[in-house]
Amino acid sequence: GRRKKGVFKSVLNGASGSTLTSVNAFADTLSSGCTAEAASLPHVVCGIMGPSGAGKTSLLDCLAGRKTAGTMTGSIRINGQTMAAAELRLLSGYVIQSDILPGMLTVRECLEFQSKLRVSGATAQAERVDMVLTQMMLQRQQTTLVVGSSFRRGISGGEKRRVSVAIELLSEPAVLF
């Protein structure tokens, strides 16, 4: 919603988590939470949990360099190097909350179209599409329409979510939000 002039919105108000004192302790606290130290390890998946309106999406928007309104203080560092918003957008992928997918294409056609926009070289495009279909376990759905019609079933909501993630994985981002 809209904020009144002069009202400060606290990001992650009411959210909880755990802290990690060292990266070596990551294995011991894997089930108890995700912190900046843990998130900096390769191939780590972290989740942000909190009540509605706590600022989870605002935090991700800030971290991904997508926040355009308001003021953000502090810095975002990757491998100890401060990153500008434009740099963050170049090396990261961002999966938005709602799936916006073309309804008249199959899963494979959708990924092929996106690969033409994101990957250079026809051979590399085809390889990336095949690899992402496998990574996201979408091989069986690759010939299914994304939305479907009254005559032909489309993919499920969870499969749409996986297609949205697969689209971002095509460009092999260093960080995925």
N, C-alpha and C. Protein backbone atom coordinates (compact mmCIF):
# COMPACT_ATOMS: atom_id res chain seq x y z
N GLY A 1 0.80 -1.18 0.00
CA GLY A 1 0.00 0.00 0.00
C GLY A 1 0.84 1.24 0.00
N ARG A 2 0.15 2.39 -0.02
CA ARG A 2 0.86 3.66 0.00
C ARG A 2 1.23 4.04 1.42
N ARG A 3 2.39 4.66 1.54
CA ARG A 3 2.84 5.11 2.84
C ARG A 3 2.59 6.59 2.98
N LYS A 4 2.25 6.99 4.20
CA LYS A 4 2.06 8.40 4.47
C LYS A 4 3.41 9.09 4.51
N LYS A 5 3.43 10.38 4.15
CA LYS A 5 4.66 11.14 4.15
C LYS A 5 5.27 11.14 5.55
N GLY A 6 6.56 10.81 5.62
CA GLY A 6 7.25 10.82 6.90
C GLY A 6 7.16 9.50 7.66
N VAL A 7 6.44 8.52 7.13
CA VAL A 7 6.33 7.23 7.81
C VAL A 7 7.41 6.30 7.27
N PHE A 8 8.18 5.72 8.16
CA PHE A 8 9.27 4.82 7.79
C PHE A 8 8.79 3.38 7.84
N LYS A 9 9.04 2.63 6.78
CA LYS A 9 8.66 1.22 6.75
C LYS A 9 9.88 0.38 7.09
N SER A 10 9.78 -0.41 8.11
CA SER A 10 10.87 -1.28 8.53
C SER A 10 10.81 -2.56 7.70
N VAL A 11 11.93 -2.91 7.07
CA VAL A 11 11.99 -4.13 6.28
C VAL A 11 12.15 -5.32 7.21
N LEU A 12 11.39 -6.36 6.96
CA LEU A 12 11.37 -7.59 7.74
C LEU A 12 10.89 -7.37 9.17
N ASN A 13 9.91 -6.53 9.34
CA ASN A 13 9.31 -6.30 10.64
C ASN A 13 8.55 -7.55 11.08
N GLY A 14 8.92 -8.13 12.20
CA GLY A 14 8.23 -9.29 12.72
C GLY A 14 8.72 -10.61 12.17
N ALA A 15 9.73 -10.60 11.31
CA ALA A 15 10.27 -11.85 10.78
C ALA A 15 11.29 -12.41 11.76
N SER A 16 11.51 -13.70 11.69
CA SER A 16 12.49 -14.30 12.59
C SER A 16 13.46 -15.16 11.80
N GLY A 17 14.57 -15.48 12.42
CA GLY A 17 15.58 -16.32 11.78
C GLY A 17 16.66 -16.65 12.78
N SER A 18 17.75 -17.18 12.28
CA SER A 18 18.87 -17.49 13.15
C SER A 18 20.12 -16.85 12.60
N THR A 19 21.13 -16.74 13.42
CA THR A 19 22.39 -16.18 12.96
C THR A 19 23.44 -17.26 12.94
N LEU A 20 24.42 -17.05 12.12
CA LEU A 20 25.49 -18.02 11.94
C LEU A 20 26.79 -17.34 12.32
N THR A 21 27.50 -17.85 13.32
CA THR A 21 28.72 -17.20 13.77
C THR A 21 29.90 -17.48 12.85
N SER A 22 29.89 -18.60 12.15
CA SER A 22 30.96 -18.88 11.20
C SER A 22 30.42 -19.77 10.08
N VAL A 23 31.08 -19.70 8.94
CA VAL A 23 30.66 -20.51 7.81
C VAL A 23 30.82 -22.00 8.14
N ASN A 24 31.79 -22.35 8.98
CA ASN A 24 32.00 -23.75 9.35
C ASN A 24 30.80 -24.31 10.11
N ALA A 25 30.05 -23.44 10.75
CA ALA A 25 28.88 -23.88 11.51
C ALA A 25 27.67 -24.09 10.62
N PHE A 26 27.83 -23.86 9.31
CA PHE A 26 26.71 -23.94 8.39
C PHE A 26 26.01 -25.30 8.45
N ALA A 27 26.79 -26.38 8.45
CA ALA A 27 26.20 -27.73 8.45
C ALA A 27 25.36 -27.96 9.70
N ASP A 28 25.80 -27.42 10.84
CA ASP A 28 25.07 -27.60 12.09
C ASP A 28 23.76 -26.82 12.14
N THR A 29 23.70 -25.70 11.42
CA THR A 29 22.52 -24.85 11.50
C THR A 29 21.72 -24.81 10.22
N LEU A 30 21.99 -25.74 9.31
CA LEU A 30 21.30 -25.74 8.02
C LEU A 30 19.79 -25.73 8.18
N SER A 31 19.28 -26.50 9.12
CA SER A 31 17.83 -26.59 9.28
C SER A 31 17.25 -25.44 10.08
N SER A 32 18.09 -24.62 10.71
CA SER A 32 17.56 -23.58 11.57
C SER A 32 17.50 -22.20 10.94
N GLY A 33 18.07 -22.01 9.77
CA GLY A 33 17.92 -20.71 9.14
C GLY A 33 19.00 -20.39 8.14
N CYS A 34 18.81 -19.30 7.43
CA CYS A 34 19.73 -18.86 6.39
C CYS A 34 20.20 -17.46 6.75
N THR A 35 21.51 -17.27 6.75
CA THR A 35 22.07 -15.96 7.08
C THR A 35 22.96 -15.51 5.95
N ALA A 36 23.51 -14.31 6.10
CA ALA A 36 24.39 -13.78 5.06
C ALA A 36 25.60 -14.70 4.86
N GLU A 37 26.16 -15.23 5.97
CA GLU A 37 27.31 -16.11 5.84
C GLU A 37 26.95 -17.38 5.09
N ALA A 38 25.82 -17.97 5.44
CA ALA A 38 25.39 -19.22 4.79
C ALA A 38 25.03 -18.96 3.34
N ALA A 39 24.37 -17.84 3.07
CA ALA A 39 23.93 -17.54 1.71
C ALA A 39 25.10 -17.29 0.78
N SER A 40 26.27 -16.97 1.34
CA SER A 40 27.43 -16.68 0.49
C SER A 40 28.11 -17.94 -0.02
N LEU A 41 27.73 -19.10 0.50
CA LEU A 41 28.31 -20.35 0.03
C LEU A 41 27.70 -20.72 -1.32
N PRO A 42 28.49 -21.39 -2.19
CA PRO A 42 27.94 -21.77 -3.50
C PRO A 42 26.82 -22.80 -3.38
N HIS A 43 25.83 -22.69 -4.26
CA HIS A 43 24.73 -23.64 -4.37
C HIS A 43 23.87 -23.72 -3.12
N VAL A 44 23.71 -22.62 -2.43
CA VAL A 44 22.90 -22.59 -1.22
C VAL A 44 21.56 -21.95 -1.55
N VAL A 45 20.49 -22.57 -1.09
CA VAL A 45 19.15 -22.02 -1.26
C VAL A 45 18.71 -21.49 0.09
N CYS A 46 18.29 -20.23 0.11
CA CYS A 46 17.83 -19.61 1.35
C CYS A 46 16.40 -19.15 1.18
N GLY A 47 15.66 -19.20 2.25
CA GLY A 47 14.28 -18.73 2.23
C GLY A 47 14.10 -17.59 3.22
N ILE A 48 13.21 -16.70 2.89
CA ILE A 48 12.87 -15.60 3.80
C ILE A 48 11.43 -15.83 4.22
N MET A 49 11.21 -15.91 5.52
CA MET A 49 9.86 -16.14 6.03
C MET A 49 9.49 -15.00 6.97
N GLY A 50 8.23 -14.66 6.94
CA GLY A 50 7.72 -13.63 7.83
C GLY A 50 6.26 -13.38 7.53
N PRO A 51 5.60 -12.64 8.40
CA PRO A 51 4.18 -12.37 8.19
C PRO A 51 3.94 -11.43 7.02
N SER A 52 2.69 -11.37 6.57
CA SER A 52 2.32 -10.45 5.49
C SER A 52 2.69 -9.03 5.87
N GLY A 53 3.25 -8.31 4.92
CA GLY A 53 3.60 -6.92 5.15
C GLY A 53 4.90 -6.71 5.90
N ALA A 54 5.66 -7.78 6.14
CA ALA A 54 6.90 -7.66 6.89
C ALA A 54 8.03 -7.06 6.05
N GLY A 55 7.90 -7.08 4.74
CA GLY A 55 8.92 -6.49 3.88
C GLY A 55 9.82 -7.50 3.19
N LYS A 56 9.37 -8.73 3.07
CA LYS A 56 10.18 -9.77 2.44
C LYS A 56 10.48 -9.41 0.98
N THR A 57 9.47 -9.03 0.24
CA THR A 57 9.66 -8.66 -1.16
C THR A 57 10.49 -7.39 -1.27
N SER A 58 10.26 -6.43 -0.37
CA SER A 58 11.06 -5.19 -0.38
C SER A 58 12.53 -5.51 -0.18
N LEU A 59 12.85 -6.43 0.72
CA LEU A 59 14.23 -6.82 0.95
C LEU A 59 14.83 -7.43 -0.31
N LEU A 60 14.11 -8.37 -0.93
CA LEU A 60 14.62 -8.99 -2.16
C LEU A 60 14.79 -7.96 -3.28
N ASP A 61 13.85 -7.02 -3.39
CA ASP A 61 13.97 -5.96 -4.40
C ASP A 61 15.23 -5.14 -4.16
N CYS A 62 15.52 -4.81 -2.91
CA CYS A 62 16.73 -4.06 -2.58
C CYS A 62 17.98 -4.87 -2.91
N LEU A 63 18.01 -6.13 -2.50
CA LEU A 63 19.17 -6.97 -2.74
C LEU A 63 19.42 -7.19 -4.23
N ALA A 64 18.35 -7.27 -5.01
CA ALA A 64 18.47 -7.51 -6.45
C ALA A 64 18.70 -6.23 -7.25
N GLY A 65 18.70 -5.08 -6.58
CA GLY A 65 18.90 -3.81 -7.28
C GLY A 65 17.70 -3.37 -8.07
N ARG A 66 16.50 -3.79 -7.65
CA ARG A 66 15.27 -3.46 -8.37
C ARG A 66 14.43 -2.40 -7.68
N LYS A 67 14.80 -1.98 -6.50
CA LYS A 67 14.02 -1.01 -5.74
C LYS A 67 14.23 0.38 -6.34
N THR A 68 13.15 1.02 -6.77
CA THR A 68 13.28 2.34 -7.39
C THR A 68 12.68 3.45 -6.53
N ALA A 69 11.77 3.10 -5.64
CA ALA A 69 11.14 4.12 -4.79
C ALA A 69 11.77 4.09 -3.41
N GLY A 70 11.73 5.21 -2.74
CA GLY A 70 12.24 5.26 -1.38
C GLY A 70 13.75 5.37 -1.34
N THR A 71 14.27 5.29 -0.14
CA THR A 71 15.70 5.42 0.07
C THR A 71 16.24 4.15 0.69
N MET A 72 17.35 3.68 0.16
CA MET A 72 17.99 2.51 0.71
C MET A 72 19.36 2.93 1.25
N THR A 73 19.64 2.58 2.49
CA THR A 73 20.94 2.88 3.06
C THR A 73 21.75 1.60 3.20
N GLY A 74 23.04 1.73 3.28
CA GLY A 74 23.91 0.58 3.38
C GLY A 74 24.43 0.18 2.02
N SER A 75 25.10 -0.96 1.97
CA SER A 75 25.66 -1.42 0.71
C SER A 75 25.39 -2.91 0.54
N ILE A 76 25.42 -3.34 -0.68
CA ILE A 76 25.26 -4.75 -1.01
C ILE A 76 26.58 -5.21 -1.58
N ARG A 77 27.12 -6.26 -1.01
CA ARG A 77 28.44 -6.75 -1.42
C ARG A 77 28.34 -8.19 -1.92
N ILE A 78 29.08 -8.45 -2.96
CA ILE A 78 29.21 -9.81 -3.46
C ILE A 78 30.70 -10.10 -3.49
N ASN A 79 31.08 -11.16 -2.79
CA ASN A 79 32.49 -11.51 -2.62
C ASN A 79 33.30 -10.33 -2.08
N GLY A 80 32.71 -9.58 -1.17
CA GLY A 80 33.39 -8.46 -0.53
C GLY A 80 33.43 -7.19 -1.34
N GLN A 81 32.90 -7.21 -2.54
CA GLN A 81 32.94 -6.04 -3.42
C GLN A 81 31.58 -5.38 -3.47
N THR A 82 31.53 -4.08 -3.19
CA THR A 82 30.27 -3.34 -3.23
C THR A 82 29.76 -3.30 -4.67
N MET A 83 28.47 -3.59 -4.82
CA MET A 83 27.86 -3.65 -6.15
C MET A 83 26.82 -2.55 -6.30
N ALA A 84 26.82 -1.90 -7.44
CA ALA A 84 25.78 -0.93 -7.79
C ALA A 84 24.56 -1.70 -8.27
N ALA A 85 23.40 -1.04 -8.25
CA ALA A 85 22.16 -1.70 -8.67
C ALA A 85 22.26 -2.23 -10.10
N ALA A 86 22.87 -1.46 -11.00
CA ALA A 86 22.99 -1.89 -12.40
C ALA A 86 23.86 -3.15 -12.51
N GLU A 87 24.93 -3.22 -11.71
CA GLU A 87 25.79 -4.40 -11.72
C GLU A 87 25.04 -5.62 -11.19
N LEU A 88 24.25 -5.43 -10.14
CA LEU A 88 23.47 -6.53 -9.57
C LEU A 88 22.50 -7.10 -10.58
N ARG A 89 21.85 -6.21 -11.33
CA ARG A 89 20.88 -6.67 -12.32
C ARG A 89 21.56 -7.47 -13.43
N LEU A 90 22.81 -7.13 -13.76
CA LEU A 90 23.53 -7.85 -14.82
C LEU A 90 23.93 -9.26 -14.41
N LEU A 91 24.28 -9.45 -13.15
CA LEU A 91 24.77 -10.76 -12.75
C LEU A 91 23.76 -11.62 -12.01
N SER A 92 22.54 -11.10 -11.85
CA SER A 92 21.53 -11.87 -11.12
C SER A 92 20.28 -12.09 -11.97
N GLY A 93 19.49 -13.06 -11.53
CA GLY A 93 18.18 -13.31 -12.11
C GLY A 93 17.13 -13.04 -11.04
N TYR A 94 15.93 -12.69 -11.44
CA TYR A 94 14.88 -12.36 -10.48
C TYR A 94 13.57 -12.99 -10.95
N VAL A 95 13.02 -13.88 -10.16
CA VAL A 95 11.75 -14.53 -10.48
C VAL A 95 10.66 -13.77 -9.74
N ILE A 96 9.79 -13.09 -10.48
CA ILE A 96 8.74 -12.31 -9.83
C ILE A 96 7.70 -13.22 -9.19
N GLN A 97 6.93 -12.66 -8.27
CA GLN A 97 5.97 -13.46 -7.50
C GLN A 97 4.89 -14.10 -8.35
N SER A 98 4.37 -13.37 -9.32
CA SER A 98 3.30 -13.93 -10.15
C SER A 98 3.89 -14.41 -11.48
N ASP A 99 3.43 -15.55 -11.93
CA ASP A 99 3.93 -16.13 -13.18
C ASP A 99 3.29 -15.42 -14.37
N ILE A 100 4.11 -14.81 -15.20
CA ILE A 100 3.63 -14.15 -16.41
C ILE A 100 4.23 -14.92 -17.58
N LEU A 101 3.45 -15.84 -18.12
CA LEU A 101 3.92 -16.72 -19.18
C LEU A 101 2.98 -16.67 -20.37
N PRO A 102 3.53 -16.82 -21.59
CA PRO A 102 2.67 -16.81 -22.78
C PRO A 102 1.80 -18.07 -22.82
N GLY A 103 0.50 -17.90 -22.95
CA GLY A 103 -0.42 -19.02 -22.88
C GLY A 103 -0.53 -19.88 -24.11
N MET A 104 -0.12 -19.38 -25.25
CA MET A 104 -0.29 -20.14 -26.49
C MET A 104 0.95 -20.95 -26.87
N LEU A 105 1.96 -20.96 -26.01
CA LEU A 105 3.18 -21.71 -26.29
C LEU A 105 3.28 -22.92 -25.38
N THR A 106 4.02 -23.93 -25.85
CA THR A 106 4.32 -25.06 -24.98
C THR A 106 5.47 -24.65 -24.05
N VAL A 107 5.76 -25.47 -23.07
CA VAL A 107 6.85 -25.18 -22.14
C VAL A 107 8.16 -25.04 -22.91
N ARG A 108 8.45 -25.97 -23.82
CA ARG A 108 9.70 -25.90 -24.60
C ARG A 108 9.74 -24.64 -25.46
N GLU A 109 8.64 -24.32 -26.15
CA GLU A 109 8.60 -23.12 -27.00
C GLU A 109 8.83 -21.86 -26.17
N CYS A 110 8.27 -21.82 -24.99
CA CYS A 110 8.45 -20.68 -24.09
C CYS A 110 9.93 -20.51 -23.74
N LEU A 111 10.59 -21.62 -23.39
CA LEU A 111 12.02 -21.56 -23.04
C LEU A 111 12.88 -21.25 -24.27
N GLU A 112 12.51 -21.79 -25.42
CA GLU A 112 13.26 -21.50 -26.65
C GLU A 112 13.18 -20.02 -27.01
N PHE A 113 11.99 -19.44 -26.88
CA PHE A 113 11.82 -18.01 -27.16
C PHE A 113 12.69 -17.19 -26.21
N GLN A 114 12.64 -17.49 -24.92
CA GLN A 114 13.44 -16.74 -23.95
C GLN A 114 14.93 -16.95 -24.17
N SER A 115 15.34 -18.14 -24.58
CA SER A 115 16.77 -18.39 -24.81
C SER A 115 17.29 -17.55 -25.97
N LYS A 116 16.44 -17.28 -26.96
CA LYS A 116 16.86 -16.43 -28.08
C LYS A 116 17.12 -14.99 -27.62
N LEU A 117 16.46 -14.59 -26.55
CA LEU A 117 16.65 -13.25 -26.00
C LEU A 117 17.83 -13.18 -25.03
N ARG A 118 18.18 -14.31 -24.41
CA ARG A 118 19.15 -14.30 -23.31
C ARG A 118 20.47 -15.01 -23.59
N VAL A 119 20.51 -15.91 -24.57
CA VAL A 119 21.70 -16.73 -24.81
C VAL A 119 22.15 -16.52 -26.25
N SER A 120 23.46 -16.32 -26.45
CA SER A 120 23.96 -16.13 -27.82
C SER A 120 24.40 -17.47 -28.41
N GLY A 121 24.17 -17.65 -29.71
CA GLY A 121 24.55 -18.87 -30.42
C GLY A 121 23.45 -19.91 -30.41
N ALA A 122 23.06 -20.37 -31.60
CA ALA A 122 21.95 -21.32 -31.72
C ALA A 122 22.22 -22.63 -31.00
N THR A 123 23.45 -23.14 -31.07
CA THR A 123 23.79 -24.39 -30.39
C THR A 123 23.69 -24.22 -28.89
N ALA A 124 24.24 -23.11 -28.38
CA ALA A 124 24.20 -22.84 -26.94
C ALA A 124 22.76 -22.68 -26.46
N GLN A 125 21.91 -22.05 -27.29
CA GLN A 125 20.50 -21.88 -26.92
C GLN A 125 19.83 -23.22 -26.74
N ALA A 126 19.99 -24.13 -27.69
CA ALA A 126 19.36 -25.44 -27.63
C ALA A 126 19.89 -26.24 -26.44
N GLU A 127 21.19 -26.16 -26.19
CA GLU A 127 21.78 -26.87 -25.05
C GLU A 127 21.25 -26.35 -23.72
N ARG A 128 21.15 -25.03 -23.61
CA ARG A 128 20.66 -24.43 -22.36
C ARG A 128 19.21 -24.83 -22.12
N VAL A 129 18.38 -24.82 -23.17
CA VAL A 129 16.97 -25.21 -23.02
C VAL A 129 16.88 -26.65 -22.53
N ASP A 130 17.63 -27.55 -23.15
CA ASP A 130 17.61 -28.96 -22.73
C ASP A 130 18.10 -29.12 -21.29
N MET A 131 19.16 -28.40 -20.94
CA MET A 131 19.71 -28.51 -19.60
C MET A 131 18.73 -27.99 -18.54
N VAL A 132 18.10 -26.86 -18.83
CA VAL A 132 17.16 -26.27 -17.87
C VAL A 132 15.90 -27.13 -17.74
N LEU A 133 15.42 -27.70 -18.85
CA LEU A 133 14.27 -28.61 -18.78
C LEU A 133 14.58 -29.79 -17.85
N THR A 134 15.81 -30.29 -17.93
CA THR A 134 16.22 -31.40 -17.08
C THR A 134 16.37 -30.95 -15.63
N GLN A 135 17.08 -29.82 -15.41
CA GLN A 135 17.30 -29.31 -14.06
C GLN A 135 15.99 -29.07 -13.32
N MET A 136 15.00 -28.54 -14.02
CA MET A 136 13.73 -28.18 -13.39
C MET A 136 12.70 -29.30 -13.49
N MET A 137 13.13 -30.46 -13.96
CA MET A 137 12.26 -31.64 -14.09
C MET A 137 10.98 -31.31 -14.86
N LEU A 138 11.16 -30.72 -16.05
CA LEU A 138 10.03 -30.34 -16.89
C LEU A 138 10.04 -31.10 -18.22
N GLN A 139 10.82 -32.17 -18.35
CA GLN A 139 10.89 -32.90 -19.62
C GLN A 139 9.53 -33.44 -20.03
N ARG A 140 8.77 -33.98 -19.09
CA ARG A 140 7.47 -34.57 -19.43
C ARG A 140 6.45 -33.50 -19.85
N GLN A 141 6.62 -32.27 -19.39
CA GLN A 141 5.68 -31.20 -19.69
C GLN A 141 6.12 -30.35 -20.89
N GLN A 142 7.25 -30.65 -21.51
CA GLN A 142 7.80 -29.76 -22.53
C GLN A 142 6.89 -29.57 -23.75
N THR A 143 6.00 -30.50 -24.03
CA THR A 143 5.09 -30.34 -25.18
C THR A 143 3.69 -29.91 -24.75
N THR A 144 3.52 -29.61 -23.47
CA THR A 144 2.22 -29.19 -22.94
C THR A 144 2.11 -27.67 -23.01
N LEU A 145 0.92 -27.19 -23.39
CA LEU A 145 0.69 -25.75 -23.39
C LEU A 145 0.84 -25.20 -21.98
N VAL A 146 1.36 -23.99 -21.88
CA VAL A 146 1.54 -23.37 -20.57
C VAL A 146 0.20 -23.13 -19.90
N VAL A 147 -0.75 -22.53 -20.60
CA VAL A 147 -2.06 -22.21 -20.01
C VAL A 147 -3.11 -23.26 -20.34
N GLY A 148 -3.19 -23.68 -21.57
CA GLY A 148 -4.20 -24.66 -21.95
C GLY A 148 -5.51 -24.00 -22.35
N SER A 149 -6.51 -24.83 -22.65
CA SER A 149 -7.83 -24.33 -23.07
C SER A 149 -8.89 -25.30 -22.56
N SER A 150 -10.13 -25.08 -22.97
CA SER A 150 -11.20 -25.98 -22.56
C SER A 150 -11.06 -27.35 -23.21
N PHE A 151 -10.25 -27.44 -24.29
CA PHE A 151 -10.06 -28.70 -24.99
C PHE A 151 -8.75 -29.40 -24.64
N ARG A 152 -7.80 -28.63 -24.14
CA ARG A 152 -6.47 -29.19 -23.87
C ARG A 152 -5.94 -28.65 -22.55
N ARG A 153 -5.55 -29.56 -21.67
CA ARG A 153 -5.08 -29.20 -20.35
C ARG A 153 -3.73 -28.49 -20.41
N GLY A 154 -3.53 -27.47 -19.58
CA GLY A 154 -2.25 -26.79 -19.46
C GLY A 154 -1.46 -27.36 -18.29
N ILE A 155 -0.35 -26.72 -17.98
CA ILE A 155 0.47 -27.19 -16.86
C ILE A 155 -0.10 -26.69 -15.53
N SER A 156 0.29 -27.34 -14.44
CA SER A 156 -0.22 -26.97 -13.11
C SER A 156 0.44 -25.69 -12.61
N GLY A 157 -0.05 -25.18 -11.51
CA GLY A 157 0.51 -23.97 -10.92
C GLY A 157 1.96 -24.14 -10.50
N GLY A 158 2.28 -25.29 -9.91
CA GLY A 158 3.66 -25.57 -9.51
C GLY A 158 4.59 -25.68 -10.71
N GLU A 159 4.07 -26.25 -11.79
CA GLU A 159 4.86 -26.36 -13.01
C GLU A 159 5.08 -24.98 -13.64
N LYS A 160 4.08 -24.11 -13.57
CA LYS A 160 4.26 -22.73 -14.06
C LYS A 160 5.35 -22.03 -13.28
N ARG A 161 5.38 -22.24 -11.97
CA ARG A 161 6.40 -21.65 -11.11
C ARG A 161 7.79 -22.14 -11.54
N ARG A 162 7.90 -23.44 -11.84
CA ARG A 162 9.18 -24.01 -12.27
C ARG A 162 9.59 -23.48 -13.64
N VAL A 163 8.62 -23.22 -14.52
CA VAL A 163 8.95 -22.63 -15.83
C VAL A 163 9.48 -21.20 -15.62
N SER A 164 8.89 -20.44 -14.72
CA SER A 164 9.37 -19.08 -14.44
C SER A 164 10.80 -19.10 -13.92
N VAL A 165 11.11 -20.05 -13.05
CA VAL A 165 12.48 -20.19 -12.54
C VAL A 165 13.40 -20.63 -13.67
N ALA A 166 12.95 -21.56 -14.50
CA ALA A 166 13.74 -22.07 -15.62
C ALA A 166 14.11 -20.94 -16.58
N ILE A 167 13.20 -20.02 -16.83
CA ILE A 167 13.47 -18.89 -17.71
C ILE A 167 14.66 -18.09 -17.19
N GLU A 168 14.69 -17.84 -15.88
CA GLU A 168 15.80 -17.08 -15.30
C GLU A 168 17.09 -17.89 -15.31
N LEU A 169 17.01 -19.20 -15.18
CA LEU A 169 18.21 -20.04 -15.18
C LEU A 169 18.86 -20.13 -16.55
N LEU A 170 18.13 -19.80 -17.61
CA LEU A 170 18.69 -19.86 -18.96
C LEU A 170 19.95 -19.02 -19.09
N SER A 171 19.99 -17.87 -18.45
CA SER A 171 21.15 -16.97 -18.58
C SER A 171 22.25 -17.27 -17.57
N GLU A 172 22.12 -18.37 -16.81
CA GLU A 172 23.10 -18.79 -15.83
C GLU A 172 23.51 -17.66 -14.88
N PRO A 173 22.54 -17.12 -14.13
CA PRO A 173 22.88 -16.01 -13.23
C PRO A 173 23.76 -16.48 -12.07
N ALA A 174 24.62 -15.58 -11.59
CA ALA A 174 25.45 -15.90 -10.43
C ALA A 174 24.60 -15.99 -9.16
N VAL A 175 23.55 -15.16 -9.11
CA VAL A 175 22.64 -15.13 -7.98
C VAL A 175 21.22 -15.13 -8.52
N LEU A 176 20.33 -15.90 -7.91
CA LEU A 176 18.94 -15.94 -8.34
C LEU A 176 18.05 -15.54 -7.18
N PHE A 177 17.25 -14.50 -7.38
CA PHE A 177 16.32 -14.03 -6.35
C PHE A 177 14.93 -14.50 -6.67
